[in-house]
Amino acid sequence: MSGAGVLRHWLWRTVCGASGGLTVTGRWEVHGGAVIVANHSSHADTAVLLAALPPAAKVRFAAAVDYWFDIPARRLVATSLIGVLPLRRSGDGGYTALRDTAGPLLDAGHTVVIYPEGTRSTDGGIAEFRSGAVRLARDFGVPIVPVALLGIADVLPKGGRFSPGSPMEVRLGDPVDPHHTTAAQLRAEVVQLATGVRHALAA
């Protein structure tokens, strides 16, 4: 694992601890490349995942180029503190860009996080999932890990202000074979993680 990945992990664990606390349930069972699909309601989702996942996962994030790279300050955060893969959001060409950018990283054992709803939720609901994550995992022969993010929008809602103090939780699902699932089934997995009974805290 890279030194930068370790520093990002501990930086964001510290930030999460000071922002209300973070609980991680489930275990990270993947060795090698993987695609994560997660619900999305806050820009803080990305920081929380970096804090929750082990540095060995070598996490990178597929994110909108028109948001993260249009202002120099955001670009600096995206590249140095997060590890963003700049992508365009619309059209089939968007998948080609995702494949060309994320594919070599998956082959090198990185984990690529995709928010399949395409935008942040404002009401706590989980919208329909797009199919790009499934296509990517199939194309590169890596598992998909469904993840539910809870409480993050209470700390930093879309369009709102930072309000520390609320507990946050990341629930890790089991790896899924991309050849035996669909975007709709993955959404159902994330919904079940978000609404189901909590499991024991990962060691």
N, C-alpha and C. Protein backbone atom coordinates (compact mmCIF):
# COMPACT_ATOMS: atom_id res chain seq x y z
N MET A 1 0.84 -1.19 0.00
CA MET A 1 0.00 0.00 0.00
C MET A 1 0.87 1.23 0.00
N SER A 2 0.39 2.34 -0.54
CA SER A 2 1.19 3.55 -0.62
C SER A 2 1.12 4.31 0.68
N GLY A 3 2.19 5.12 0.92
CA GLY A 3 2.19 5.98 2.09
C GLY A 3 1.07 6.99 2.04
N ALA A 4 0.75 7.47 0.82
CA ALA A 4 -0.34 8.44 0.68
C ALA A 4 -1.66 7.83 1.10
N GLY A 5 -1.88 6.56 0.75
CA GLY A 5 -3.13 5.89 1.13
C GLY A 5 -3.27 5.75 2.63
N VAL A 6 -2.18 5.42 3.31
CA VAL A 6 -2.20 5.30 4.76
C VAL A 6 -2.48 6.66 5.40
N LEU A 7 -1.83 7.70 4.90
CA LEU A 7 -2.04 9.05 5.45
C LEU A 7 -3.48 9.51 5.24
N ARG A 8 -4.05 9.26 4.06
CA ARG A 8 -5.44 9.62 3.81
C ARG A 8 -6.37 8.90 4.78
N HIS A 9 -6.12 7.62 4.97
CA HIS A 9 -6.97 6.83 5.87
C HIS A 9 -6.97 7.42 7.28
N TRP A 10 -5.80 7.66 7.83
CA TRP A 10 -5.74 8.15 9.21
C TRP A 10 -6.16 9.60 9.33
N LEU A 11 -5.92 10.40 8.31
CA LEU A 11 -6.42 11.78 8.32
C LEU A 11 -7.93 11.78 8.44
N TRP A 12 -8.61 11.00 7.59
CA TRP A 12 -10.08 11.03 7.59
C TRP A 12 -10.66 10.29 8.78
N ARG A 13 -9.96 9.31 9.34
CA ARG A 13 -10.43 8.70 10.59
C ARG A 13 -10.42 9.73 11.72
N THR A 14 -9.39 10.54 11.74
CA THR A 14 -9.30 11.59 12.75
C THR A 14 -10.42 12.61 12.58
N VAL A 15 -10.66 13.01 11.33
CA VAL A 15 -11.73 13.97 11.05
C VAL A 15 -13.08 13.40 11.43
N CYS A 16 -13.33 12.14 11.07
CA CYS A 16 -14.61 11.51 11.40
C CYS A 16 -14.79 11.39 12.91
N GLY A 17 -13.72 11.06 13.61
CA GLY A 17 -13.80 10.96 15.05
C GLY A 17 -14.18 12.28 15.70
N ALA A 18 -13.67 13.37 15.14
CA ALA A 18 -13.97 14.69 15.68
C ALA A 18 -15.32 15.22 15.21
N SER A 19 -15.93 14.56 14.24
CA SER A 19 -17.18 15.06 13.65
C SER A 19 -18.42 14.35 14.18
N GLY A 20 -18.25 13.41 15.08
CA GLY A 20 -19.40 12.70 15.64
C GLY A 20 -19.16 11.23 15.84
N GLY A 21 -18.06 10.72 15.30
CA GLY A 21 -17.73 9.31 15.47
C GLY A 21 -18.15 8.46 14.29
N LEU A 22 -17.40 7.39 14.05
CA LEU A 22 -17.66 6.50 12.92
C LEU A 22 -17.63 5.06 13.39
N THR A 23 -18.68 4.31 13.02
CA THR A 23 -18.76 2.88 13.28
C THR A 23 -18.71 2.15 11.94
N VAL A 24 -17.94 1.09 11.88
CA VAL A 24 -17.86 0.26 10.68
C VAL A 24 -18.38 -1.13 11.03
N THR A 25 -19.38 -1.60 10.30
CA THR A 25 -19.89 -2.95 10.50
C THR A 25 -19.62 -3.78 9.25
N GLY A 26 -19.39 -5.08 9.47
CA GLY A 26 -18.98 -5.94 8.38
C GLY A 26 -17.48 -5.94 8.24
N ARG A 27 -16.98 -6.78 7.35
CA ARG A 27 -15.54 -6.91 7.15
C ARG A 27 -15.18 -6.71 5.68
N TRP A 28 -14.01 -6.17 5.43
CA TRP A 28 -13.49 -6.04 4.07
C TRP A 28 -12.82 -7.35 3.72
N GLU A 29 -13.43 -8.10 2.79
CA GLU A 29 -12.98 -9.46 2.50
C GLU A 29 -12.27 -9.59 1.15
N VAL A 30 -12.00 -8.49 0.48
CA VAL A 30 -11.46 -8.54 -0.88
C VAL A 30 -9.94 -8.39 -0.87
N HIS A 31 -9.29 -9.21 -1.68
CA HIS A 31 -7.85 -9.08 -1.90
C HIS A 31 -7.64 -8.86 -3.39
N GLY A 32 -7.23 -7.66 -3.75
CA GLY A 32 -7.11 -7.31 -5.16
C GLY A 32 -8.17 -6.29 -5.54
N GLY A 33 -8.33 -6.08 -6.84
CA GLY A 33 -9.25 -5.06 -7.33
C GLY A 33 -10.70 -5.35 -6.99
N ALA A 34 -11.48 -4.29 -6.85
CA ALA A 34 -12.90 -4.42 -6.55
C ALA A 34 -13.60 -3.12 -6.92
N VAL A 35 -14.91 -3.22 -7.10
CA VAL A 35 -15.77 -2.04 -7.30
C VAL A 35 -16.71 -1.96 -6.12
N ILE A 36 -16.79 -0.80 -5.50
CA ILE A 36 -17.76 -0.56 -4.43
C ILE A 36 -18.92 0.23 -5.01
N VAL A 37 -20.15 -0.17 -4.65
CA VAL A 37 -21.33 0.65 -4.94
C VAL A 37 -21.94 1.07 -3.61
N ALA A 38 -22.23 2.35 -3.48
CA ALA A 38 -22.74 2.89 -2.22
C ALA A 38 -23.79 3.95 -2.48
N ASN A 39 -24.69 4.10 -1.52
CA ASN A 39 -25.65 5.21 -1.60
C ASN A 39 -24.91 6.53 -1.35
N HIS A 40 -25.53 7.63 -1.75
CA HIS A 40 -24.80 8.90 -1.78
C HIS A 40 -25.73 10.04 -1.38
N SER A 41 -25.41 10.69 -0.25
CA SER A 41 -26.23 11.81 0.19
C SER A 41 -25.42 13.01 0.64
N SER A 42 -24.08 12.90 0.60
CA SER A 42 -23.23 13.96 1.14
C SER A 42 -21.85 13.90 0.49
N HIS A 43 -21.21 15.07 0.34
CA HIS A 43 -19.82 15.06 -0.09
C HIS A 43 -18.93 14.39 0.94
N ALA A 44 -19.37 14.34 2.19
CA ALA A 44 -18.58 13.68 3.23
C ALA A 44 -18.58 12.16 3.08
N ASP A 45 -19.46 11.58 2.24
CA ASP A 45 -19.46 10.14 2.01
C ASP A 45 -18.07 9.64 1.63
N THR A 46 -17.41 10.39 0.79
CA THR A 46 -16.11 10.00 0.27
C THR A 46 -15.07 9.95 1.39
N ALA A 47 -15.04 10.98 2.22
CA ALA A 47 -14.10 11.01 3.34
C ALA A 47 -14.37 9.88 4.32
N VAL A 48 -15.65 9.59 4.55
CA VAL A 48 -16.02 8.54 5.49
C VAL A 48 -15.59 7.17 4.97
N LEU A 49 -15.74 6.93 3.69
CA LEU A 49 -15.28 5.65 3.12
C LEU A 49 -13.77 5.51 3.22
N LEU A 50 -13.04 6.58 3.00
CA LEU A 50 -11.59 6.53 3.16
C LEU A 50 -11.21 6.18 4.59
N ALA A 51 -11.98 6.69 5.54
CA ALA A 51 -11.73 6.39 6.95
C ALA A 51 -12.11 4.96 7.31
N ALA A 52 -13.15 4.44 6.68
CA ALA A 52 -13.70 3.14 7.05
C ALA A 52 -12.95 1.96 6.44
N LEU A 53 -12.46 2.13 5.22
CA LEU A 53 -11.84 1.02 4.52
C LEU A 53 -10.35 0.92 4.84
N PRO A 54 -9.79 -0.28 4.86
CA PRO A 54 -8.36 -0.42 5.18
C PRO A 54 -7.50 0.19 4.09
N PRO A 55 -6.35 0.76 4.45
CA PRO A 55 -5.47 1.32 3.42
C PRO A 55 -5.10 0.34 2.33
N ALA A 56 -5.06 -0.97 2.67
CA ALA A 56 -4.70 -1.98 1.68
C ALA A 56 -5.70 -2.07 0.54
N ALA A 57 -6.91 -1.54 0.73
CA ALA A 57 -7.91 -1.54 -0.34
C ALA A 57 -7.54 -0.59 -1.47
N LYS A 58 -6.65 0.36 -1.20
CA LYS A 58 -6.18 1.32 -2.22
C LYS A 58 -7.36 1.97 -2.95
N VAL A 59 -8.13 2.74 -2.19
CA VAL A 59 -9.42 3.25 -2.67
C VAL A 59 -9.25 4.46 -3.58
N ARG A 60 -9.99 4.45 -4.67
CA ARG A 60 -10.11 5.59 -5.57
C ARG A 60 -11.59 5.84 -5.85
N PHE A 61 -11.93 7.08 -6.20
CA PHE A 61 -13.33 7.47 -6.33
C PHE A 61 -13.63 8.01 -7.72
N ALA A 62 -14.66 7.46 -8.35
CA ALA A 62 -15.16 8.01 -9.61
C ALA A 62 -16.06 9.19 -9.28
N ALA A 63 -15.71 10.38 -9.76
CA ALA A 63 -16.46 11.58 -9.39
C ALA A 63 -16.53 12.55 -10.56
N ALA A 64 -17.49 13.46 -10.48
CA ALA A 64 -17.79 14.36 -11.60
C ALA A 64 -16.70 15.39 -11.81
N VAL A 65 -16.16 15.42 -13.01
CA VAL A 65 -15.11 16.39 -13.34
C VAL A 65 -15.64 17.81 -13.28
N ASP A 66 -16.93 18.01 -13.60
CA ASP A 66 -17.46 19.37 -13.63
C ASP A 66 -17.63 19.96 -12.24
N TYR A 67 -17.60 19.11 -11.20
CA TYR A 67 -17.67 19.66 -9.85
C TYR A 67 -16.28 19.72 -9.21
N TRP A 68 -15.57 18.60 -9.21
CA TRP A 68 -14.34 18.51 -8.45
C TRP A 68 -13.15 19.21 -9.09
N PHE A 69 -13.21 19.45 -10.38
CA PHE A 69 -12.03 19.99 -11.05
C PHE A 69 -12.26 21.36 -11.67
N ASP A 70 -13.37 22.02 -11.32
CA ASP A 70 -13.62 23.34 -11.91
C ASP A 70 -13.06 24.48 -11.08
N ILE A 71 -12.71 24.21 -9.82
CA ILE A 71 -12.16 25.23 -8.93
C ILE A 71 -10.84 24.70 -8.37
N PRO A 72 -9.76 25.51 -8.40
CA PRO A 72 -8.45 25.01 -7.96
C PRO A 72 -8.43 24.40 -6.57
N ALA A 73 -9.16 25.00 -5.61
CA ALA A 73 -9.15 24.46 -4.24
C ALA A 73 -9.76 23.06 -4.21
N ARG A 74 -10.88 22.86 -4.93
CA ARG A 74 -11.48 21.54 -4.99
C ARG A 74 -10.57 20.55 -5.69
N ARG A 75 -9.91 21.01 -6.73
CA ARG A 75 -9.01 20.13 -7.47
C ARG A 75 -7.89 19.63 -6.57
N LEU A 76 -7.36 20.53 -5.73
CA LEU A 76 -6.30 20.15 -4.80
C LEU A 76 -6.77 19.10 -3.81
N VAL A 77 -7.97 19.30 -3.24
CA VAL A 77 -8.53 18.33 -2.31
C VAL A 77 -8.75 16.99 -3.01
N ALA A 78 -9.31 17.05 -4.23
CA ALA A 78 -9.64 15.84 -4.96
C ALA A 78 -8.41 14.99 -5.25
N THR A 79 -7.34 15.63 -5.63
CA THR A 79 -6.16 14.89 -6.06
C THR A 79 -5.25 14.49 -4.90
N SER A 80 -5.11 15.36 -3.90
CA SER A 80 -4.13 15.09 -2.84
C SER A 80 -4.74 14.43 -1.60
N LEU A 81 -6.00 14.75 -1.26
CA LEU A 81 -6.58 14.25 -0.01
C LEU A 81 -7.62 13.15 -0.21
N ILE A 82 -8.10 12.96 -1.44
CA ILE A 82 -9.16 11.98 -1.66
C ILE A 82 -8.74 10.88 -2.63
N GLY A 83 -8.26 11.25 -3.79
CA GLY A 83 -7.94 10.26 -4.81
C GLY A 83 -9.08 10.10 -5.80
N VAL A 84 -9.50 11.23 -6.39
CA VAL A 84 -10.64 11.24 -7.29
C VAL A 84 -10.23 10.89 -8.72
N LEU A 85 -11.07 10.09 -9.38
CA LEU A 85 -10.93 9.84 -10.81
C LEU A 85 -11.90 10.77 -11.53
N PRO A 86 -11.43 11.77 -12.26
CA PRO A 86 -12.33 12.73 -12.89
C PRO A 86 -13.07 12.12 -14.08
N LEU A 87 -14.42 12.16 -14.02
CA LEU A 87 -15.24 11.55 -15.05
C LEU A 87 -16.40 12.46 -15.43
N ARG A 88 -16.83 12.34 -16.68
CA ARG A 88 -18.02 13.06 -17.12
C ARG A 88 -19.25 12.21 -16.80
N ARG A 89 -20.37 12.87 -16.43
CA ARG A 89 -21.51 12.16 -15.88
C ARG A 89 -22.48 11.57 -16.89
N SER A 90 -22.53 12.07 -18.12
CA SER A 90 -23.63 11.72 -19.00
C SER A 90 -23.15 11.03 -20.27
N GLY A 91 -24.09 10.26 -20.89
CA GLY A 91 -23.84 9.64 -22.18
C GLY A 91 -23.05 8.35 -22.06
N ASP A 92 -23.12 7.49 -23.09
CA ASP A 92 -22.39 6.24 -23.08
C ASP A 92 -20.89 6.48 -23.10
N GLY A 93 -20.49 7.64 -23.63
CA GLY A 93 -19.08 8.00 -23.58
C GLY A 93 -18.58 8.11 -22.17
N GLY A 94 -19.49 8.36 -21.22
CA GLY A 94 -19.11 8.40 -19.82
C GLY A 94 -18.62 7.05 -19.34
N TYR A 95 -19.25 5.95 -19.82
CA TYR A 95 -18.78 4.63 -19.43
C TYR A 95 -17.41 4.35 -20.05
N THR A 96 -17.22 4.75 -21.29
CA THR A 96 -15.91 4.55 -21.92
C THR A 96 -14.82 5.24 -21.13
N ALA A 97 -15.10 6.48 -20.67
CA ALA A 97 -14.13 7.20 -19.85
C ALA A 97 -13.88 6.49 -18.53
N LEU A 98 -14.95 5.97 -17.92
CA LEU A 98 -14.81 5.23 -16.67
C LEU A 98 -13.95 3.99 -16.88
N ARG A 99 -14.25 3.24 -17.92
CA ARG A 99 -13.49 2.01 -18.21
C ARG A 99 -12.02 2.31 -18.46
N ASP A 100 -11.76 3.33 -19.27
CA ASP A 100 -10.38 3.63 -19.63
C ASP A 100 -9.58 4.16 -18.44
N THR A 101 -10.24 4.88 -17.55
CA THR A 101 -9.56 5.46 -16.40
C THR A 101 -9.44 4.48 -15.25
N ALA A 102 -10.55 3.78 -14.95
CA ALA A 102 -10.57 2.90 -13.78
C ALA A 102 -9.99 1.52 -14.06
N GLY A 103 -10.06 1.07 -15.31
CA GLY A 103 -9.61 -0.28 -15.64
C GLY A 103 -8.19 -0.59 -15.22
N PRO A 104 -7.21 0.25 -15.59
CA PRO A 104 -5.83 -0.03 -15.18
C PRO A 104 -5.66 -0.07 -13.66
N LEU A 105 -6.43 0.73 -12.94
CA LEU A 105 -6.35 0.72 -11.48
C LEU A 105 -6.91 -0.58 -10.91
N LEU A 106 -8.03 -1.05 -11.47
CA LEU A 106 -8.57 -2.34 -11.03
C LEU A 106 -7.58 -3.47 -11.30
N ASP A 107 -6.94 -3.44 -12.45
CA ASP A 107 -5.94 -4.45 -12.78
C ASP A 107 -4.77 -4.41 -11.81
N ALA A 108 -4.49 -3.22 -11.27
CA ALA A 108 -3.37 -3.06 -10.33
C ALA A 108 -3.79 -3.29 -8.87
N GLY A 109 -5.05 -3.74 -8.66
CA GLY A 109 -5.48 -4.09 -7.32
C GLY A 109 -6.13 -2.99 -6.52
N HIS A 110 -6.52 -1.90 -7.18
CA HIS A 110 -7.20 -0.82 -6.49
C HIS A 110 -8.70 -1.12 -6.35
N THR A 111 -9.32 -0.45 -5.40
CA THR A 111 -10.77 -0.46 -5.23
C THR A 111 -11.32 0.85 -5.78
N VAL A 112 -12.28 0.75 -6.68
CA VAL A 112 -12.90 1.94 -7.28
C VAL A 112 -14.31 2.09 -6.72
N VAL A 113 -14.59 3.24 -6.12
CA VAL A 113 -15.90 3.52 -5.55
C VAL A 113 -16.75 4.26 -6.58
N ILE A 114 -17.97 3.76 -6.78
CA ILE A 114 -18.92 4.39 -7.69
C ILE A 114 -20.22 4.62 -6.93
N TYR A 115 -20.77 5.82 -7.07
CA TYR A 115 -22.09 6.13 -6.51
C TYR A 115 -23.10 5.99 -7.64
N PRO A 116 -23.77 4.84 -7.76
CA PRO A 116 -24.56 4.54 -8.96
C PRO A 116 -25.83 5.38 -9.11
N GLU A 117 -26.23 6.10 -8.07
CA GLU A 117 -27.39 6.98 -8.21
C GLU A 117 -27.08 8.16 -9.13
N GLY A 118 -25.82 8.50 -9.25
CA GLY A 118 -25.41 9.58 -10.15
C GLY A 118 -25.40 10.95 -9.52
N THR A 119 -26.04 11.13 -8.38
CA THR A 119 -26.05 12.41 -7.68
C THR A 119 -26.41 12.15 -6.22
N ARG A 120 -26.27 13.16 -5.40
CA ARG A 120 -26.56 13.01 -3.97
C ARG A 120 -28.06 13.12 -3.69
N SER A 121 -28.53 12.26 -2.82
CA SER A 121 -29.93 12.30 -2.38
C SER A 121 -30.15 13.48 -1.44
N THR A 122 -31.34 14.07 -1.52
CA THR A 122 -31.69 15.15 -0.60
C THR A 122 -32.75 14.74 0.42
N ASP A 123 -33.34 13.56 0.26
CA ASP A 123 -34.43 13.14 1.16
C ASP A 123 -34.15 11.84 1.90
N GLY A 124 -32.94 11.34 1.78
CA GLY A 124 -32.58 10.10 2.46
C GLY A 124 -32.93 8.84 1.70
N GLY A 125 -33.67 8.97 0.60
CA GLY A 125 -34.01 7.82 -0.21
C GLY A 125 -32.84 7.37 -1.07
N ILE A 126 -32.93 6.16 -1.59
CA ILE A 126 -31.89 5.63 -2.47
C ILE A 126 -32.50 5.47 -3.86
N ALA A 127 -32.03 6.26 -4.80
CA ALA A 127 -32.57 6.26 -6.16
C ALA A 127 -32.13 5.02 -6.92
N GLU A 128 -32.69 4.84 -8.11
CA GLU A 128 -32.30 3.71 -8.95
C GLU A 128 -30.82 3.78 -9.29
N PHE A 129 -30.19 2.61 -9.39
CA PHE A 129 -28.77 2.52 -9.71
C PHE A 129 -28.56 2.44 -11.22
N ARG A 130 -27.59 3.15 -11.70
CA ARG A 130 -27.17 3.01 -13.09
C ARG A 130 -26.28 1.76 -13.23
N SER A 131 -26.06 1.35 -14.46
CA SER A 131 -25.43 0.05 -14.71
C SER A 131 -23.92 0.08 -14.87
N GLY A 132 -23.30 1.27 -14.84
CA GLY A 132 -21.87 1.37 -15.12
C GLY A 132 -21.00 0.54 -14.21
N ALA A 133 -21.33 0.47 -12.92
CA ALA A 133 -20.51 -0.30 -11.99
C ALA A 133 -20.50 -1.78 -12.33
N VAL A 134 -21.68 -2.31 -12.71
CA VAL A 134 -21.76 -3.72 -13.08
C VAL A 134 -20.96 -3.98 -14.35
N ARG A 135 -21.11 -3.12 -15.33
CA ARG A 135 -20.36 -3.28 -16.58
C ARG A 135 -18.85 -3.26 -16.32
N LEU A 136 -18.42 -2.32 -15.48
CA LEU A 136 -16.99 -2.18 -15.19
C LEU A 136 -16.45 -3.44 -14.50
N ALA A 137 -17.17 -3.92 -13.49
CA ALA A 137 -16.71 -5.11 -12.77
C ALA A 137 -16.67 -6.34 -13.67
N ARG A 138 -17.67 -6.46 -14.55
CA ARG A 138 -17.66 -7.58 -15.49
C ARG A 138 -16.49 -7.49 -16.47
N ASP A 139 -16.26 -6.29 -16.98
CA ASP A 139 -15.20 -6.11 -17.97
C ASP A 139 -13.83 -6.44 -17.41
N PHE A 140 -13.62 -6.22 -16.11
CA PHE A 140 -12.29 -6.41 -15.53
C PHE A 140 -12.23 -7.56 -14.53
N GLY A 141 -13.32 -8.32 -14.43
CA GLY A 141 -13.30 -9.54 -13.64
C GLY A 141 -13.04 -9.34 -12.16
N VAL A 142 -13.67 -8.31 -11.58
CA VAL A 142 -13.49 -8.04 -10.15
C VAL A 142 -14.85 -8.09 -9.45
N PRO A 143 -14.87 -8.36 -8.15
CA PRO A 143 -16.13 -8.40 -7.42
C PRO A 143 -16.68 -7.00 -7.16
N ILE A 144 -17.97 -6.96 -6.84
CA ILE A 144 -18.63 -5.72 -6.44
C ILE A 144 -19.00 -5.85 -4.97
N VAL A 145 -18.71 -4.80 -4.21
CA VAL A 145 -19.04 -4.80 -2.78
C VAL A 145 -20.10 -3.73 -2.52
N PRO A 146 -21.32 -4.13 -2.12
CA PRO A 146 -22.34 -3.13 -1.77
C PRO A 146 -22.04 -2.55 -0.38
N VAL A 147 -22.24 -1.24 -0.26
CA VAL A 147 -21.96 -0.54 1.00
C VAL A 147 -23.09 0.44 1.29
N ALA A 148 -23.53 0.47 2.53
CA ALA A 148 -24.54 1.45 2.96
C ALA A 148 -23.88 2.48 3.87
N LEU A 149 -24.16 3.75 3.60
CA LEU A 149 -23.63 4.87 4.38
C LEU A 149 -24.78 5.51 5.14
N LEU A 150 -24.63 5.60 6.46
CA LEU A 150 -25.72 6.10 7.31
C LEU A 150 -25.24 7.26 8.16
N GLY A 151 -26.09 8.28 8.27
CA GLY A 151 -25.83 9.39 9.16
C GLY A 151 -24.91 10.46 8.63
N ILE A 152 -24.34 10.27 7.45
CA ILE A 152 -23.37 11.23 6.95
C ILE A 152 -24.04 12.54 6.56
N ALA A 153 -25.24 12.45 5.97
CA ALA A 153 -25.95 13.68 5.58
C ALA A 153 -26.36 14.52 6.79
N ASP A 154 -26.43 13.90 7.98
CA ASP A 154 -26.73 14.68 9.18
C ASP A 154 -25.56 15.59 9.54
N VAL A 155 -24.36 15.16 9.15
CA VAL A 155 -23.16 15.95 9.43
C VAL A 155 -22.92 16.99 8.33
N LEU A 156 -23.13 16.57 7.07
CA LEU A 156 -22.93 17.50 5.95
C LEU A 156 -23.97 17.20 4.87
N PRO A 157 -25.17 17.78 4.95
CA PRO A 157 -26.21 17.53 3.95
C PRO A 157 -25.91 18.24 2.63
N LYS A 158 -26.51 17.75 1.56
CA LYS A 158 -26.37 18.40 0.27
C LYS A 158 -26.93 19.81 0.35
N GLY A 159 -26.12 20.79 0.00
CA GLY A 159 -26.56 22.17 0.04
C GLY A 159 -26.62 22.77 1.43
N GLY A 160 -26.22 22.00 2.45
CA GLY A 160 -26.29 22.47 3.83
C GLY A 160 -24.93 22.80 4.40
N ARG A 161 -24.90 23.04 5.70
CA ARG A 161 -23.68 23.42 6.39
C ARG A 161 -23.18 22.26 7.25
N PHE A 162 -21.88 22.25 7.47
CA PHE A 162 -21.24 21.25 8.31
C PHE A 162 -21.75 21.35 9.74
N SER A 163 -22.29 20.25 10.26
CA SER A 163 -22.87 20.22 11.61
C SER A 163 -22.36 18.99 12.35
N PRO A 164 -21.18 19.05 12.94
CA PRO A 164 -20.61 17.88 13.61
C PRO A 164 -21.42 17.48 14.84
N GLY A 165 -21.28 16.22 15.23
CA GLY A 165 -21.93 15.74 16.43
C GLY A 165 -22.79 14.52 16.25
N SER A 166 -23.19 14.22 15.01
CA SER A 166 -24.04 13.06 14.75
C SER A 166 -23.17 11.83 14.44
N PRO A 167 -23.51 10.66 14.99
CA PRO A 167 -22.74 9.45 14.69
C PRO A 167 -22.95 9.01 13.24
N MET A 168 -21.90 8.47 12.66
CA MET A 168 -21.94 8.00 11.28
C MET A 168 -21.61 6.51 11.25
N GLU A 169 -22.11 5.82 10.23
CA GLU A 169 -21.87 4.38 10.13
C GLU A 169 -21.68 3.96 8.68
N VAL A 170 -20.74 3.04 8.49
CA VAL A 170 -20.52 2.39 7.19
C VAL A 170 -20.79 0.91 7.37
N ARG A 171 -21.70 0.36 6.56
CA ARG A 171 -22.02 -1.07 6.61
C ARG A 171 -21.53 -1.74 5.34
N LEU A 172 -20.59 -2.66 5.50
CA LEU A 172 -19.98 -3.35 4.38
C LEU A 172 -20.72 -4.64 4.08
N GLY A 173 -21.11 -4.83 2.83
CA GLY A 173 -21.74 -6.07 2.42
C GLY A 173 -20.72 -7.09 1.96
N ASP A 174 -21.21 -8.26 1.59
CA ASP A 174 -20.34 -9.31 1.07
C ASP A 174 -20.05 -9.07 -0.41
N PRO A 175 -18.87 -9.47 -0.88
CA PRO A 175 -18.55 -9.34 -2.31
C PRO A 175 -19.54 -10.10 -3.17
N VAL A 176 -19.88 -9.52 -4.31
CA VAL A 176 -20.87 -10.08 -5.24
C VAL A 176 -20.20 -10.33 -6.59
N ASP A 177 -20.49 -11.47 -7.19
CA ASP A 177 -19.99 -11.77 -8.54
C ASP A 177 -20.77 -10.89 -9.53
N PRO A 178 -20.09 -10.04 -10.30
CA PRO A 178 -20.81 -9.13 -11.19
C PRO A 178 -21.56 -9.84 -12.31
N HIS A 179 -21.18 -11.07 -12.60
CA HIS A 179 -21.85 -11.82 -13.67
C HIS A 179 -23.18 -12.41 -13.20
N HIS A 180 -23.46 -12.32 -11.90
CA HIS A 180 -24.69 -12.90 -11.37
C HIS A 180 -25.50 -11.85 -10.60
N THR A 181 -25.42 -10.61 -11.05
CA THR A 181 -26.19 -9.55 -10.40
C THR A 181 -26.53 -8.48 -11.42
N THR A 182 -27.42 -7.58 -11.02
CA THR A 182 -27.81 -6.45 -11.85
C THR A 182 -27.75 -5.18 -11.01
N ALA A 183 -27.88 -4.04 -11.66
CA ALA A 183 -27.89 -2.78 -10.93
C ALA A 183 -29.04 -2.74 -9.93
N ALA A 184 -30.21 -3.25 -10.34
CA ALA A 184 -31.37 -3.25 -9.45
C ALA A 184 -31.13 -4.15 -8.23
N GLN A 185 -30.50 -5.30 -8.45
CA GLN A 185 -30.23 -6.19 -7.33
C GLN A 185 -29.20 -5.59 -6.37
N LEU A 186 -28.22 -4.88 -6.92
CA LEU A 186 -27.24 -4.22 -6.06
C LEU A 186 -27.90 -3.12 -5.23
N ARG A 187 -28.81 -2.38 -5.85
CA ARG A 187 -29.54 -1.37 -5.09
C ARG A 187 -30.30 -2.02 -3.94
N ALA A 188 -30.94 -3.17 -4.22
CA ALA A 188 -31.68 -3.88 -3.17
C ALA A 188 -30.74 -4.31 -2.04
N GLU A 189 -29.51 -4.72 -2.38
CA GLU A 189 -28.53 -5.09 -1.37
C GLU A 189 -28.18 -3.90 -0.48
N VAL A 190 -27.98 -2.73 -1.10
CA VAL A 190 -27.62 -1.54 -0.33
C VAL A 190 -28.79 -1.11 0.55
N VAL A 191 -30.01 -1.18 0.01
CA VAL A 191 -31.19 -0.84 0.81
C VAL A 191 -31.31 -1.78 2.01
N GLN A 192 -31.08 -3.07 1.78
CA GLN A 192 -31.17 -4.03 2.88
C GLN A 192 -30.10 -3.75 3.93
N LEU A 193 -28.88 -3.42 3.50
CA LEU A 193 -27.83 -3.07 4.45
C LEU A 193 -28.23 -1.84 5.26
N ALA A 194 -28.83 -0.86 4.59
CA ALA A 194 -29.17 0.40 5.25
C ALA A 194 -30.31 0.24 6.24
N THR A 195 -31.23 -0.69 5.97
CA THR A 195 -32.43 -0.79 6.79
C THR A 195 -32.45 -2.02 7.68
N GLY A 196 -31.48 -2.94 7.48
CA GLY A 196 -31.49 -4.19 8.22
C GLY A 196 -30.90 -4.08 9.60
N VAL A 197 -30.87 -5.23 10.27
CA VAL A 197 -30.33 -5.30 11.62
C VAL A 197 -28.82 -5.12 11.56
N ARG A 198 -28.28 -4.35 12.47
CA ARG A 198 -26.85 -4.12 12.51
C ARG A 198 -26.10 -5.39 12.91
N HIS A 199 -24.92 -5.57 12.28
CA HIS A 199 -24.09 -6.71 12.62
C HIS A 199 -23.01 -6.29 13.62
N ALA A 200 -22.25 -7.25 14.04
CA ALA A 200 -21.20 -6.93 15.02
C ALA A 200 -20.13 -6.04 14.39
N LEU A 201 -19.56 -5.18 15.20
CA LEU A 201 -18.50 -4.28 14.73
C LEU A 201 -17.30 -5.07 14.26
N ALA A 202 -16.80 -4.69 13.09
CA ALA A 202 -15.63 -5.39 12.56
C ALA A 202 -14.41 -5.16 13.44
N ALA A 203 -13.58 -6.18 13.55
CA ALA A 203 -12.36 -6.04 14.35
C ALA A 203 -11.33 -5.25 13.57
